[in-house]
Amino acid sequence: MKCKIIFSVAITCLIFSCNNGKRKIVGSTPFQKQLNAQYKDASRSPLKDKDRREFKGLPFFDLDSSYVINAMLTKTPNSKWVNMKTTTSRLSKQRLYGVLKFKIKDAFFKLNVYQGENPTTDSGLDDYLFLPFLDKTNGEETYSGGRYIDLDFPSEHKNTLVIDFNKAYNPYCAYNSKYSCPIVPRENYLKTKIKAGVKLDKSKSH
């Protein structure tokens, strides 16, 4: 009987230690959970090995529905492919897909949205529109180099797009200098604070 009790206790301890070793994917939205899962995954994470092992979750602004914006889209179908500069000598082939005009808290803004020649699958999308932007939080609450948003292609005759700034994320360069990231064009600077999306985790910046 004594041996059975000892064996039972040992099994219980083993089960609990295994469960404690598994970190729960944190996040208050599907986007946050997906991004945190990616950064935790050694095969997809941009984090340095040491940072990934200590990773518990990205810092986000509180979810704010006022940053989910319906924007008017003016397409530019005849735009040429250009070489967008990156943080390294690599050039990113992009073309201006269109101009987005929208309002945030009674102020009007516009952003250029781009289409990449070689779409990436980092975000789980086969192809998407690339929306890089700068704002007044950069260098303080967010990465100094700006942030990105991935947008689905609109249907052929649609002239609006939804911009969800809660899904703004930092370029990989914010975490690891080995990555080559497109530099946000200066014309995509918003003269306001976009307090939504991923914040800058200064302890994990390169």
Protein backbone atom coordinates (compact mmCIF):
# COMPACT_ATOMS: atom_id res chain seq x y z
CA MET A 1 0.00 0.00 0.00
CA LYS A 2 2.83 2.38 0.90
CA CYS A 3 4.49 1.79 -2.49
CA LYS A 4 1.20 2.51 -4.28
CA ILE A 5 0.82 5.82 -2.44
CA ILE A 6 4.39 6.88 -3.30
CA PHE A 7 3.85 5.91 -6.95
CA SER A 8 0.56 7.83 -7.08
CA VAL A 9 2.17 10.96 -5.61
CA ALA A 10 5.05 10.72 -8.08
CA ILE A 11 2.67 10.49 -11.06
CA THR A 12 0.63 13.45 -9.76
CA CYS A 13 3.75 15.59 -9.36
CA LEU A 14 4.90 14.66 -12.86
CA ILE A 15 1.54 15.65 -14.37
CA PHE A 16 1.48 19.00 -12.59
CA SER A 17 5.09 19.80 -13.44
CA CYS A 18 4.39 19.10 -17.12
CA ASN A 19 1.33 21.34 -17.11
CA ASN A 20 3.22 24.11 -15.36
CA GLY A 21 5.93 23.90 -18.02
CA LYS A 22 3.45 24.79 -20.77
CA ARG A 23 2.92 28.50 -21.24
CA LYS A 24 -0.55 29.59 -22.17
CA ILE A 25 -0.78 31.74 -25.29
CA VAL A 26 -1.79 35.16 -24.00
CA GLY A 27 -3.81 37.84 -25.76
CA SER A 28 -7.24 39.44 -25.56
CA THR A 29 -8.05 39.08 -29.30
CA PRO A 30 -7.44 36.40 -31.96
CA PHE A 31 -4.87 38.70 -33.60
CA GLN A 32 -2.93 39.11 -30.36
CA LYS A 33 -2.98 35.37 -29.67
CA GLN A 34 -1.87 34.57 -33.22
CA LEU A 35 1.01 37.05 -33.05
CA ASN A 36 2.12 35.84 -29.62
CA ALA A 37 2.01 32.22 -30.83
CA GLN A 38 4.19 33.16 -33.80
CA TYR A 39 6.75 34.92 -31.62
CA LYS A 40 6.87 31.95 -29.27
CA ASP A 41 7.41 29.44 -32.11
CA ALA A 42 11.13 28.86 -32.76
CA SER A 43 10.49 28.16 -36.45
CA ARG A 44 8.72 31.51 -37.06
CA SER A 45 9.81 33.88 -34.32
CA PRO A 46 11.88 36.98 -35.18
CA LEU A 47 13.14 37.09 -31.60
CA LYS A 48 16.68 36.23 -30.66
CA ASP A 49 16.93 32.80 -29.02
CA LYS A 50 17.46 34.23 -25.54
CA ASP A 51 14.51 36.61 -25.89
CA ARG A 52 12.27 33.87 -27.28
CA ARG A 53 12.99 31.55 -24.36
CA GLU A 54 11.97 34.32 -21.95
CA PHE A 55 9.03 35.45 -24.09
CA LYS A 56 5.67 35.74 -22.31
CA GLY A 57 3.77 37.95 -24.74
CA LEU A 58 3.96 41.19 -26.69
CA PRO A 59 2.81 44.43 -25.06
CA PHE A 60 -0.34 45.88 -26.66
CA PHE A 61 -2.38 49.03 -26.24
CA ASP A 62 -5.86 48.35 -24.89
CA LEU A 63 -8.29 47.35 -27.63
CA ASP A 64 -10.00 50.48 -28.94
CA SER A 65 -12.86 50.27 -31.45
CA SER A 66 -12.39 53.94 -32.40
CA TYR A 67 -9.24 52.82 -34.24
CA VAL A 68 -11.22 50.53 -36.54
CA ILE A 69 -11.60 52.83 -39.52
CA ASN A 70 -13.59 52.71 -42.75
CA ALA A 71 -11.29 54.34 -45.30
CA MET A 72 -12.05 55.53 -48.82
CA LEU A 73 -9.74 53.88 -51.34
CA THR A 74 -8.58 55.56 -54.52
CA LYS A 75 -6.79 52.91 -56.56
CA THR A 76 -3.74 53.66 -58.72
CA PRO A 77 -3.83 50.80 -61.25
CA ASN A 78 -1.13 52.22 -63.54
CA SER A 79 1.53 52.79 -60.88
CA LYS A 80 4.99 51.43 -61.57
CA TRP A 81 6.99 48.99 -59.48
CA VAL A 82 9.65 50.79 -57.46
CA ASN A 83 12.45 49.78 -55.13
CA MET A 84 11.48 50.66 -51.57
CA LYS A 85 14.48 51.11 -49.29
CA THR A 86 14.94 48.78 -46.35
CA THR A 87 17.04 48.76 -43.20
CA THR A 88 19.75 46.87 -45.14
CA SER A 89 21.08 47.12 -48.68
CA ARG A 90 18.20 44.96 -49.90
CA LEU A 91 15.47 46.68 -51.89
CA SER A 92 11.81 45.71 -51.54
CA LYS A 93 9.87 45.70 -54.82
CA GLN A 94 6.58 47.53 -54.21
CA ARG A 95 4.02 49.52 -56.16
CA LEU A 96 1.51 52.07 -54.96
CA TYR A 97 -1.81 50.23 -54.90
CA GLY A 98 -3.86 53.22 -53.84
CA VAL A 99 -4.46 56.06 -51.39
CA LEU A 100 -6.60 55.62 -48.28
CA LYS A 101 -8.44 58.64 -46.87
CA PHE A 102 -10.09 58.46 -43.46
CA LYS A 103 -10.99 60.29 -40.29
CA ILE A 104 -9.78 59.71 -36.73
CA LYS A 105 -11.45 61.67 -33.96
CA ASP A 106 -12.69 64.42 -36.30
CA ALA A 107 -9.32 64.84 -38.03
CA PHE A 108 -8.71 63.80 -41.64
CA PHE A 109 -5.70 61.74 -42.76
CA LYS A 110 -4.44 59.78 -45.72
CA LEU A 111 -2.00 56.89 -46.17
CA ASN A 112 -0.47 55.24 -49.21
CA VAL A 113 -1.07 51.50 -49.35
CA TYR A 114 1.30 49.23 -51.27
CA GLN A 115 1.36 45.92 -53.07
CA GLY A 116 4.48 43.78 -52.85
CA GLU A 117 5.85 41.99 -55.90
CA ASN A 118 6.81 39.00 -53.79
CA PRO A 119 4.12 38.57 -51.10
CA THR A 120 5.28 37.09 -47.82
CA THR A 121 3.51 34.38 -45.84
CA ASP A 122 4.86 35.51 -42.45
CA SER A 123 1.41 36.62 -41.35
CA GLY A 124 -0.32 33.52 -42.70
CA LEU A 125 -1.67 35.35 -45.76
CA ASP A 126 -0.69 34.30 -49.27
CA ASP A 127 -0.91 37.90 -50.44
CA TYR A 128 -2.03 41.15 -48.93
CA LEU A 129 -1.72 44.90 -49.12
CA PHE A 130 1.09 46.50 -47.16
CA LEU A 131 0.25 49.53 -45.01
CA PRO A 132 3.32 50.99 -43.25
CA PHE A 133 2.86 54.10 -41.13
CA LEU A 134 4.55 56.46 -38.70
CA ASP A 135 2.83 58.42 -35.93
CA LYS A 136 3.54 60.53 -32.87
CA THR A 137 3.96 57.54 -30.54
CA ASN A 138 7.13 56.41 -32.38
CA GLY A 139 10.26 56.40 -30.26
CA GLU A 140 8.30 56.63 -27.02
CA GLU A 141 5.49 54.12 -26.84
CA THR A 142 6.11 52.37 -30.15
CA TYR A 143 9.04 51.42 -32.35
CA SER A 144 10.87 54.46 -33.73
CA GLY A 145 10.80 53.04 -37.26
CA GLY A 146 7.01 52.90 -37.42
CA ARG A 147 4.62 49.98 -37.67
CA TYR A 148 2.91 47.85 -40.31
CA ILE A 149 -0.64 46.62 -40.98
CA ASP A 150 -1.62 43.84 -43.39
CA LEU A 151 -4.81 44.45 -45.38
CA ASP A 152 -6.81 42.05 -47.52
CA PHE A 153 -7.23 42.96 -51.18
CA PRO A 154 -10.63 44.58 -51.78
CA SER A 155 -13.04 43.16 -54.33
CA GLU A 156 -12.66 44.55 -57.84
CA HIS A 157 -15.31 47.26 -57.60
CA LYS A 158 -14.99 48.08 -53.92
CA ASN A 159 -13.70 51.54 -53.05
CA THR A 160 -13.40 51.18 -49.27
CA LEU A 161 -11.10 49.30 -46.92
CA VAL A 162 -11.23 48.73 -43.17
CA ILE A 163 -8.07 49.76 -41.34
CA ASP A 164 -7.84 48.17 -37.91
CA PHE A 165 -5.01 49.93 -36.11
CA ASN A 166 -5.42 47.42 -33.26
CA LYS A 167 -3.65 45.02 -35.64
CA ALA A 168 -0.61 47.26 -36.11
CA TYR A 169 2.62 45.36 -35.45
CA ASN A 170 6.31 46.19 -35.26
CA PRO A 171 8.76 45.33 -38.05
CA TYR A 172 10.98 42.37 -37.21
CA CYS A 173 13.87 44.85 -37.03
CA ALA A 174 12.43 46.12 -33.75
CA TYR A 175 13.53 42.81 -32.20
CA ASN A 176 16.46 41.59 -34.23
CA SER A 177 18.86 43.55 -36.48
CA LYS A 178 19.48 40.55 -38.74
CA TYR A 179 16.18 41.25 -40.53
CA SER A 180 15.73 43.54 -43.50
CA CYS A 181 12.59 45.66 -43.12
CA PRO A 182 11.01 48.16 -45.53
CA ILE A 183 11.46 51.73 -44.33
CA VAL A 184 8.16 53.56 -43.88
CA PRO A 185 7.86 56.32 -46.51
CA ARG A 186 7.80 59.77 -44.93
CA GLU A 187 4.49 60.61 -46.63
CA ASN A 188 2.88 57.92 -44.45
CA TYR A 189 3.42 59.94 -41.28
CA LEU A 190 0.25 60.58 -39.29
CA LYS A 191 0.33 63.75 -37.22
CA THR A 192 -1.48 62.10 -34.33
CA LYS A 193 -0.90 59.42 -31.72
CA ILE A 194 -2.13 55.99 -32.77
CA LYS A 195 -2.54 54.37 -29.37
CA ALA A 196 -3.51 50.96 -30.72
CA GLY A 197 -1.73 47.77 -31.71
CA VAL A 198 1.69 46.56 -30.59
CA LYS A 199 3.77 48.71 -28.28
CA LEU A 200 7.55 48.85 -28.13
CA ASP A 201 9.05 46.34 -25.71
CA LYS A 202 12.31 48.15 -25.06
CA SER A 203 13.84 45.16 -23.28
CA LYS A 204 13.57 43.13 -26.54
CA SER A 205 14.71 45.75 -29.03
CA HIS A 206 18.11 45.13 -30.67
